[in-house]
Amino acid sequence: MRAGLQGRQLEGELLGLPGGLLRVLYPGMVWMTFTSAPLAIVGVLRAESGVFGPMASDPTVSRLVGKARADVRERIWQLAGQAAPDADGNVTVDIDEVLVIAHSDKEAAAATWKTAYGHHPLMAFVDHGADGSGKPVADLLRPGNAGSNTAADHITTAQLAPAQLPKKHRRGGHTPARTDSGGGTHRFVNWLAARGRWLSYSVGTTITGAVHQAVLPVPASAWTPAVEPGGQVRNGARVPELAGDVLRGRPAGMRLIVCKERPHPGVQFRFTDADGVRLTCFATNTPIAQLELRHRRRARAEDRIRAARATGLCNLPLHDAAQNRVRSEVVQLTLDLSAWMPMLALTGDARRWEPKRTRLRLFSAAAQLVTTGRHCCLRLARHWPWTDETTTAFERLQALPNPD
């Protein structure tokens, strides 16, 4: 028992987490990482303090659950080095909506646009790239009937997200914000491009009649092949950049990129789609190559949403909206822990494991705790297929330097 408590204390010191906050948050974060259980499990954790350590009262958990995440994140990114999401100097933030179904009456729950009932939070995630996962940096709890393209909510979420990033990434072109067409409103884009803020953006937009008319006269020589992440040409996809009257009234420096490609079988075409191809469009203010590929990678936000559901966002079980906000904060902390551990401890394909797969392969491994002399050893089953990943993770974590 003593060894386990010392291990938790060491981990908190390693991450730069204050000891008091560690005692409040650590047991709940670990439990939800392992099981995705609801907040009611706090009572179980408090009853088993010998296993999980001392647990704070409910008011203390509610008061402190949202603190210190940004400082810990900055420390983790420093330790991760080239595996950190800002290793190339850029941090991409994806903003997307999530539908959370409610099976009973709750505060702020309402009918959703999918004819269900529940909440419609707007979340922001940091993209870890193709070699990693991602983590949430903002969660705006909204009623189920909140609109997908509500500019005020997108602005609020974009204001909350930078507070969870290191200071050097809180404004400027090195922190691009990506959204689907739900964020493609004049007000939100104007806010992103406002003088003094200068945020980079890549925002999906609706194919309006004006955009469609601007696409028709584009000569064939102006359509360049789209590319895949590996640099290969994307079969059947072409990309031009629009100019002229279609940009009138738009922020200075905005570029409008259109992609034309043949969709997958079974897709429903729009009335304006012609020749069996689908048009998609997005607005951006970044003068870099492969813009269409960067925007298409916004789809990784759907993976982050799936991970959030697997760690507790499948429902909001409490009645009061304030209680569900605390629940949502704990889910975000759990996702942080689920992203930090692979970033520091795992390599290769294991870094991309989602929470359910990580629970099965690492956290469900049978082991025996053996005490001999003054040492406490953890013996893992040799035949377990992922024992090597587990032992390598322990070795990588032990090799991390102590904080200054």
Protein backbone atom coordinates (compact mmCIF):
# COMPACT_ATOMS: atom_id res chain seq x y z
CA MET A 1 0.00 0.00 0.00
CA ARG A 2 2.78 2.37 0.87
CA ALA A 3 4.47 1.72 -2.44
CA GLY A 4 1.26 2.48 -4.32
CA LEU A 5 0.73 5.81 -2.56
CA GLN A 6 4.34 6.79 -3.12
CA GLY A 7 3.92 5.96 -6.79
CA ARG A 8 0.94 8.29 -7.09
CA GLN A 9 2.82 11.05 -5.32
CA LEU A 10 5.79 10.61 -7.64
CA GLU A 11 3.55 10.71 -10.70
CA GLY A 12 1.94 13.93 -9.51
CA GLU A 13 5.33 15.53 -8.92
CA LEU A 14 6.47 14.37 -12.34
CA LEU A 15 3.55 16.03 -14.07
CA GLY A 16 3.89 19.18 -12.00
CA LEU A 17 0.45 18.64 -10.46
CA PRO A 18 0.01 20.21 -7.01
CA GLY A 19 -0.27 17.61 -4.27
CA GLY A 20 -3.68 18.78 -3.04
CA LEU A 21 -5.15 18.79 -6.52
CA LEU A 22 -3.60 15.39 -7.19
CA ARG A 23 -5.38 13.90 -4.17
CA VAL A 24 -8.67 15.37 -5.38
CA LEU A 25 -8.53 14.39 -9.05
CA TYR A 26 -6.21 11.42 -9.45
CA PRO A 27 -8.45 8.60 -8.13
CA GLY A 28 -11.45 9.71 -10.19
CA MET A 29 -9.38 10.21 -13.34
CA VAL A 30 -7.81 6.76 -13.03
CA TRP A 31 -11.15 5.09 -12.34
CA MET A 32 -12.86 6.70 -15.32
CA THR A 33 -9.88 5.92 -17.54
CA PHE A 34 -10.24 2.26 -16.61
CA THR A 35 -14.03 1.98 -16.56
CA SER A 36 -15.79 5.14 -17.89
CA ALA A 37 -18.00 4.97 -14.77
CA PRO A 38 -20.19 7.95 -13.78
CA LEU A 39 -19.44 10.53 -11.12
CA ALA A 40 -21.46 8.59 -8.55
CA ILE A 41 -18.42 6.33 -8.29
CA VAL A 42 -16.75 9.05 -6.18
CA GLY A 43 -18.54 7.56 -3.17
CA VAL A 44 -17.06 4.14 -3.94
CA LEU A 45 -13.58 5.64 -4.28
CA ARG A 46 -13.97 7.42 -0.95
CA ALA A 47 -15.04 4.17 0.75
CA GLU A 48 -11.96 2.36 -0.61
CA SER A 49 -9.32 4.90 0.34
CA GLY A 50 -6.88 2.10 1.06
CA VAL A 51 -6.85 1.21 -2.64
CA PHE A 52 -7.34 4.57 -4.33
CA GLY A 53 -5.93 6.93 -1.71
CA PRO A 54 -7.73 9.72 0.14
CA MET A 55 -10.68 11.20 -1.74
CA ALA A 56 -11.91 14.77 -1.33
CA SER A 57 -15.48 15.79 -0.58
CA ASP A 58 -17.98 16.44 -3.38
CA PRO A 59 -17.78 20.28 -3.01
CA THR A 60 -13.97 20.15 -3.18
CA VAL A 61 -14.07 18.02 -6.32
CA SER A 62 -16.54 20.46 -7.91
CA ARG A 63 -14.40 23.47 -6.98
CA LEU A 64 -11.01 22.18 -8.14
CA VAL A 65 -11.87 19.91 -11.07
CA GLY A 66 -11.14 22.56 -13.73
CA LYS A 67 -7.80 23.86 -12.41
CA ALA A 68 -4.16 23.24 -13.32
CA ARG A 69 -4.83 21.40 -16.60
CA ALA A 70 -2.98 23.97 -18.71
CA ASP A 71 0.17 23.89 -16.53
CA VAL A 72 0.24 20.10 -16.55
CA ARG A 73 -0.31 20.03 -20.32
CA GLU A 74 2.63 22.35 -20.92
CA ARG A 75 4.85 20.18 -18.70
CA ILE A 76 3.76 17.00 -20.52
CA TRP A 77 4.50 18.52 -23.92
CA GLN A 78 7.98 19.51 -22.74
CA LEU A 79 8.66 15.95 -21.59
CA ALA A 80 7.25 14.44 -24.79
CA GLY A 81 9.73 16.33 -27.01
CA GLN A 82 9.26 15.33 -30.66
CA ALA A 83 6.16 13.31 -29.76
CA ALA A 84 4.36 16.45 -28.55
CA PRO A 85 1.62 17.92 -30.77
CA ASP A 86 3.54 21.22 -31.00
CA ALA A 87 6.82 19.63 -32.09
CA ASP A 88 6.62 21.39 -35.48
CA GLY A 89 5.69 24.73 -33.88
CA ASN A 90 1.97 24.45 -34.71
CA VAL A 91 -1.01 23.32 -32.62
CA THR A 92 -4.22 22.49 -34.51
CA VAL A 93 -7.51 22.86 -32.63
CA ASP A 94 -10.61 21.12 -34.02
CA ILE A 95 -14.06 22.38 -32.99
CA ASP A 96 -17.01 20.04 -33.42
CA GLU A 97 -20.46 19.31 -31.98
CA VAL A 98 -21.41 16.20 -29.98
CA LEU A 99 -24.88 14.79 -29.42
CA VAL A 100 -25.36 13.33 -25.92
CA ILE A 101 -28.64 11.46 -25.54
CA ALA A 102 -30.64 11.78 -22.29
CA HIS A 103 -33.11 9.05 -21.31
CA SER A 104 -34.80 11.11 -18.60
CA ASP A 105 -35.64 14.74 -17.94
CA LYS A 106 -32.57 16.86 -17.15
CA GLU A 107 -31.85 20.55 -16.87
CA ALA A 108 -30.95 22.11 -20.25
CA ALA A 109 -31.90 18.93 -22.12
CA ALA A 110 -34.07 19.45 -25.21
CA ALA A 111 -35.07 17.83 -28.48
CA THR A 112 -32.13 17.48 -30.89
CA TRP A 113 -32.05 17.93 -34.64
CA LYS A 114 -31.84 14.13 -34.97
CA THR A 115 -35.29 13.82 -33.32
CA ALA A 116 -33.71 12.53 -30.10
CA TYR A 117 -33.56 14.20 -26.65
CA GLY A 118 -30.52 15.38 -24.71
CA HIS A 119 -27.65 17.86 -24.94
CA HIS A 120 -25.62 19.24 -27.84
CA PRO A 121 -22.23 20.32 -26.42
CA LEU A 122 -19.61 22.04 -28.55
CA MET A 123 -16.08 20.72 -27.94
CA ALA A 124 -12.56 21.65 -29.00
CA PHE A 125 -9.77 19.08 -29.38
CA VAL A 126 -6.03 19.39 -29.94
CA ASP A 127 -5.03 17.18 -32.86
CA HIS A 128 -1.96 15.03 -32.16
CA GLY A 129 -1.46 14.19 -35.82
CA ALA A 130 -1.41 10.86 -37.59
CA ASP A 131 0.94 9.30 -35.02
CA GLY A 132 -1.11 10.13 -31.93
CA SER A 133 -4.60 10.68 -30.62
CA GLY A 134 -5.85 13.99 -29.22
CA LYS A 135 -7.21 15.70 -26.14
CA PRO A 136 -10.04 18.13 -25.32
CA VAL A 137 -9.31 21.74 -24.46
CA ALA A 138 -12.86 23.15 -24.26
CA ASP A 139 -16.39 21.87 -23.74
CA LEU A 140 -19.40 24.17 -23.95
CA LEU A 141 -22.47 22.39 -22.57
CA ARG A 142 -25.55 23.38 -24.62
CA PRO A 143 -29.18 22.27 -24.84
CA GLY A 144 -30.11 19.68 -27.41
CA ASN A 145 -31.83 22.24 -29.63
CA ALA A 146 -28.71 24.46 -29.89
CA GLY A 147 -27.82 25.14 -33.51
CA SER A 148 -24.84 23.59 -35.26
CA ASN A 149 -23.88 26.92 -36.84
CA THR A 150 -24.43 29.24 -33.86
CA ALA A 151 -21.59 31.75 -34.22
CA ALA A 152 -21.75 32.94 -30.59
CA ASP A 153 -21.15 29.38 -29.32
CA HIS A 154 -18.24 28.84 -31.70
CA ILE A 155 -16.69 32.10 -30.54
CA THR A 156 -17.10 31.12 -26.87
CA THR A 157 -15.51 27.72 -27.49
CA ALA A 158 -12.65 29.33 -29.43
CA GLN A 159 -12.10 31.68 -26.47
CA LEU A 160 -12.04 28.81 -23.96
CA ALA A 161 -9.65 26.59 -25.92
CA PRO A 162 -6.50 28.82 -25.91
CA ALA A 163 -6.59 29.04 -22.10
CA GLN A 164 -5.66 25.33 -22.01
CA LEU A 165 -2.69 25.78 -24.37
CA PRO A 166 0.85 26.97 -23.59
CA LYS A 167 1.04 30.77 -23.74
CA LYS A 168 3.02 30.84 -26.98
CA HIS A 169 0.15 29.08 -28.79
CA ARG A 170 -2.75 31.17 -27.50
CA ARG A 171 -2.86 33.48 -30.51
CA GLY A 172 -1.30 33.83 -33.93
CA GLY A 173 -1.01 31.82 -37.12
CA HIS A 174 0.70 28.86 -35.43
CA THR A 175 -2.60 27.75 -33.85
CA PRO A 176 -5.03 27.02 -36.69
CA ALA A 177 -8.67 26.39 -35.77
CA ARG A 178 -10.58 23.88 -37.91
CA THR A 179 -14.34 23.41 -38.08
CA ASP A 180 -16.85 21.81 -40.38
CA SER A 181 -19.51 23.87 -42.15
CA GLY A 182 -21.17 24.47 -38.77
CA GLY A 183 -18.48 27.08 -38.10
CA GLY A 184 -18.67 28.59 -41.58
CA THR A 185 -20.50 31.77 -40.57
CA HIS A 186 -19.46 35.33 -41.40
CA ARG A 187 -19.48 36.36 -37.75
CA PHE A 188 -17.23 33.51 -36.58
CA VAL A 189 -14.74 33.92 -39.44
CA ASN A 190 -14.62 37.69 -38.92
CA TRP A 191 -13.93 37.09 -35.22
CA LEU A 192 -11.07 34.69 -36.02
CA ALA A 193 -9.50 37.16 -38.44
CA ALA A 194 -10.00 40.26 -36.26
CA ARG A 195 -7.05 42.63 -35.98
CA GLY A 196 -4.92 41.87 -32.93
CA ARG A 197 -6.07 38.25 -32.83
CA TRP A 198 -4.81 36.99 -36.18
CA LEU A 199 -5.83 33.40 -35.60
CA SER A 200 -5.27 30.98 -38.43
CA TYR A 201 -8.36 29.07 -39.53
CA SER A 202 -9.68 26.41 -41.87
CA VAL A 203 -13.48 26.53 -41.84
CA GLY A 204 -15.88 24.48 -43.91
CA THR A 205 -18.45 26.51 -45.84
CA THR A 206 -21.72 25.74 -47.57
CA ILE A 207 -21.81 25.50 -51.35
CA THR A 208 -24.09 28.46 -52.04
CA GLY A 209 -25.38 29.49 -55.43
CA ALA A 210 -22.66 32.15 -55.67
CA VAL A 211 -19.94 29.61 -54.95
CA HIS A 212 -21.38 27.17 -57.46
CA GLN A 213 -21.54 29.86 -60.15
CA ALA A 214 -17.92 30.80 -59.40
CA VAL A 215 -16.82 27.17 -59.86
CA LEU A 216 -18.40 26.69 -63.30
CA PRO A 217 -16.06 29.00 -65.29
CA VAL A 218 -12.86 27.69 -63.65
CA PRO A 219 -10.71 26.33 -66.52
CA ALA A 220 -9.51 22.74 -66.44
CA SER A 221 -5.89 23.91 -66.15
CA ALA A 222 -6.68 25.53 -62.76
CA TRP A 223 -7.81 22.24 -61.18
CA THR A 224 -4.83 20.64 -59.43
CA PRO A 225 -4.84 17.06 -58.06
CA ALA A 226 -5.60 16.62 -54.35
CA VAL A 227 -3.12 14.56 -52.35
CA GLU A 228 -3.26 11.86 -49.69
CA PRO A 229 -1.35 12.05 -46.36
CA GLY A 230 1.50 10.04 -47.86
CA GLY A 231 1.88 12.45 -50.77
CA GLN A 232 0.13 10.26 -53.34
CA VAL A 233 -2.41 11.77 -55.70
CA ARG A 234 -6.00 11.35 -54.44
CA ASN A 235 -7.82 9.46 -57.16
CA GLY A 236 -10.53 11.53 -58.87
CA ALA A 237 -10.15 14.61 -56.63
CA ARG A 238 -9.26 18.06 -57.99
CA VAL A 239 -8.81 21.37 -56.15
CA PRO A 240 -8.92 24.99 -57.38
CA GLU A 241 -8.86 28.30 -55.51
CA LEU A 242 -11.71 30.73 -56.16
CA ALA A 243 -11.27 34.47 -56.57
CA GLY A 244 -13.26 37.48 -57.66
CA ASP A 245 -16.73 38.57 -56.58
CA VAL A 246 -17.32 35.44 -54.50
CA LEU A 247 -14.88 36.87 -51.91
CA ARG A 248 -16.60 40.24 -51.69
CA GLY A 249 -17.43 41.11 -48.08
CA ARG A 250 -15.08 38.45 -46.72
CA PRO A 251 -12.17 39.19 -44.34
CA ALA A 252 -8.92 40.35 -45.92
CA GLY A 253 -6.56 37.50 -46.72
CA MET A 254 -9.28 34.82 -46.84
CA ARG A 255 -8.92 32.11 -49.48
CA LEU A 256 -11.77 29.93 -50.72
CA ILE A 257 -10.76 26.39 -51.71
CA VAL A 258 -13.09 23.99 -53.50
CA CYS A 259 -12.62 20.24 -53.85
CA LYS A 260 -14.36 18.21 -56.56
CA GLU A 261 -14.34 14.44 -56.23
CA ARG A 262 -16.49 11.42 -56.91
CA PRO A 263 -18.16 10.43 -53.60
CA HIS A 264 -18.49 6.95 -52.18
CA PRO A 265 -21.41 4.79 -53.42
CA GLY A 266 -24.80 5.53 -51.88
CA VAL A 267 -24.21 9.20 -51.10
CA GLN A 268 -27.08 11.61 -51.70
CA PHE A 269 -26.24 14.24 -54.29
CA ARG A 270 -27.25 17.87 -54.06
CA PHE A 271 -29.33 19.52 -56.76
CA THR A 272 -26.25 21.50 -57.84
CA ASP A 273 -23.96 18.47 -58.10
CA ALA A 274 -23.28 17.61 -61.73
CA ASP A 275 -21.48 14.88 -63.67
CA GLY A 276 -21.58 12.53 -60.67
CA VAL A 277 -19.11 14.56 -58.55
CA ARG A 278 -19.56 16.25 -55.18
CA LEU A 279 -18.28 19.75 -54.40
CA THR A 280 -17.01 20.70 -50.94
CA CYS A 281 -15.64 24.08 -49.92
CA PHE A 282 -13.69 25.62 -47.06
CA ALA A 283 -12.29 29.03 -46.18
CA THR A 284 -8.78 29.62 -44.85
CA ASN A 285 -6.26 32.42 -44.37
CA THR A 286 -3.06 30.36 -44.42
CA PRO A 287 -0.82 30.53 -47.51
CA ILE A 288 0.60 27.00 -47.34
CA ALA A 289 0.60 24.06 -49.70
CA GLN A 290 -1.74 21.07 -49.36
CA LEU A 291 -4.49 23.15 -47.73
CA GLU A 292 -7.20 20.71 -48.80
CA LEU A 293 -5.40 17.80 -47.13
CA ARG A 294 -4.98 19.75 -43.91
CA HIS A 295 -8.67 20.60 -43.80
CA ARG A 296 -9.70 17.03 -44.63
CA ARG A 297 -7.78 15.83 -41.59
CA ARG A 298 -10.37 17.67 -39.50
CA ALA A 299 -12.28 14.39 -39.66
CA ARG A 300 -9.98 13.09 -36.91
CA ALA A 301 -12.17 15.08 -34.51
CA GLU A 302 -14.74 12.31 -34.93
CA ASP A 303 -12.19 9.88 -33.44
CA ARG A 304 -11.80 12.21 -30.45
CA ILE A 305 -15.57 12.30 -29.99
CA ARG A 306 -15.68 8.49 -30.04
CA ALA A 307 -12.96 8.41 -27.39
CA ALA A 308 -14.92 10.93 -25.29
CA ARG A 309 -17.98 8.70 -25.43
CA ALA A 310 -15.84 5.74 -24.33
CA THR A 311 -14.61 7.64 -21.26
CA GLY A 312 -17.92 8.89 -19.95
CA LEU A 313 -19.54 11.30 -22.43
CA CYS A 314 -21.98 8.64 -23.63
CA ASN A 315 -24.45 10.30 -21.26
CA LEU A 316 -24.73 13.09 -18.71
CA PRO A 317 -26.38 11.22 -15.82
CA LEU A 318 -27.00 14.07 -13.37
CA HIS A 319 -30.03 16.34 -13.36
CA ASP A 320 -28.59 19.81 -12.78
CA ALA A 321 -26.62 21.48 -15.57
CA ALA A 322 -23.91 22.59 -13.10
CA GLN A 323 -23.40 18.98 -12.00
CA ASN A 324 -23.16 17.82 -15.61
CA ARG A 325 -20.58 20.53 -16.31
CA VAL A 326 -18.42 19.05 -13.53
CA ARG A 327 -18.98 15.62 -15.02
CA SER A 328 -17.87 16.97 -18.40
CA GLU A 329 -14.73 18.46 -16.83
CA VAL A 330 -13.86 15.06 -15.34
CA VAL A 331 -14.34 13.44 -18.75
CA GLN A 332 -11.92 15.99 -20.23
CA LEU A 333 -9.38 15.24 -17.51
CA THR A 334 -9.78 11.54 -18.21
CA LEU A 335 -9.17 12.12 -21.91
CA ASP A 336 -6.11 14.18 -21.01
CA LEU A 337 -4.73 11.29 -18.98
CA SER A 338 -5.58 8.87 -21.80
CA ALA A 339 -3.62 11.06 -24.24
CA TRP A 340 -0.67 11.94 -22.00
CA MET A 341 0.15 8.35 -21.10
CA PRO A 342 0.58 7.14 -24.73
CA MET A 343 2.49 10.31 -25.60
CA LEU A 344 5.06 9.67 -22.88
CA ALA A 345 5.05 5.89 -22.54
CA LEU A 346 4.01 4.24 -25.82
CA THR A 347 5.50 4.14 -29.29
CA GLY A 348 4.38 3.12 -32.79
CA ASP A 349 0.82 1.95 -33.36
CA ALA A 350 0.20 1.73 -29.59
CA ARG A 351 0.14 5.54 -29.43
CA ARG A 352 -3.02 5.51 -31.54
CA TRP A 353 -4.93 3.03 -29.39
CA GLU A 354 -8.29 4.39 -28.31
CA PRO A 355 -9.46 4.08 -24.68
CA LYS A 356 -11.34 0.79 -25.08
CA ARG A 357 -8.40 -0.89 -26.75
CA THR A 358 -5.96 0.50 -24.17
CA ARG A 359 -8.12 -0.87 -21.35
CA LEU A 360 -8.16 -4.32 -22.92
CA ARG A 361 -4.49 -4.58 -23.82
CA LEU A 362 -2.77 -2.72 -20.97
CA PHE A 363 -5.10 -2.10 -18.05
CA SER A 364 -6.74 -5.55 -18.10
CA ALA A 365 -3.47 -7.48 -18.07
CA ALA A 366 -3.23 -10.06 -15.30
CA ALA A 367 -0.37 -9.38 -12.90
CA GLN A 368 0.86 -10.34 -9.46
CA LEU A 369 2.16 -7.89 -6.85
CA VAL A 370 5.05 -9.55 -5.05
CA THR A 371 6.75 -8.12 -1.95
CA THR A 372 10.23 -9.36 -1.25
CA GLY A 373 12.50 -7.75 1.28
CA ARG A 374 12.03 -4.01 1.00
CA HIS A 375 11.00 -4.14 -2.66
CA CYS A 376 7.59 -4.42 -4.28
CA CYS A 377 7.58 -6.05 -7.74
CA LEU A 378 4.84 -6.30 -10.35
CA ARG A 379 4.98 -9.58 -12.26
CA LEU A 380 3.20 -9.62 -15.61
CA ALA A 381 2.14 -12.74 -17.46
CA ARG A 382 4.76 -13.62 -20.05
CA HIS A 383 2.19 -15.06 -22.47
CA TRP A 384 0.08 -11.85 -22.57
CA PRO A 385 0.43 -10.51 -26.15
CA TRP A 386 1.09 -6.95 -25.01
CA THR A 387 3.46 -7.53 -22.10
CA ASP A 388 6.32 -5.96 -24.08
CA GLU A 389 4.32 -2.76 -24.57
CA THR A 390 3.49 -2.66 -20.85
CA THR A 391 7.06 -3.15 -19.67
CA THR A 392 8.37 -0.66 -22.24
CA ALA A 393 5.84 1.88 -21.00
CA PHE A 394 7.07 1.44 -17.41
CA GLU A 395 10.68 1.87 -18.53
CA ARG A 396 9.94 5.03 -20.54
CA LEU A 397 8.04 6.61 -17.66
CA GLN A 398 10.80 5.81 -15.16
CA ALA A 399 13.38 7.39 -17.50
CA LEU A 400 11.61 10.77 -17.53
CA PRO A 401 13.47 13.54 -15.69
CA ASN A 402 12.16 15.03 -12.46
CA PRO A 403 10.79 18.60 -12.66
CA ASP A 404 13.22 21.42 -11.99
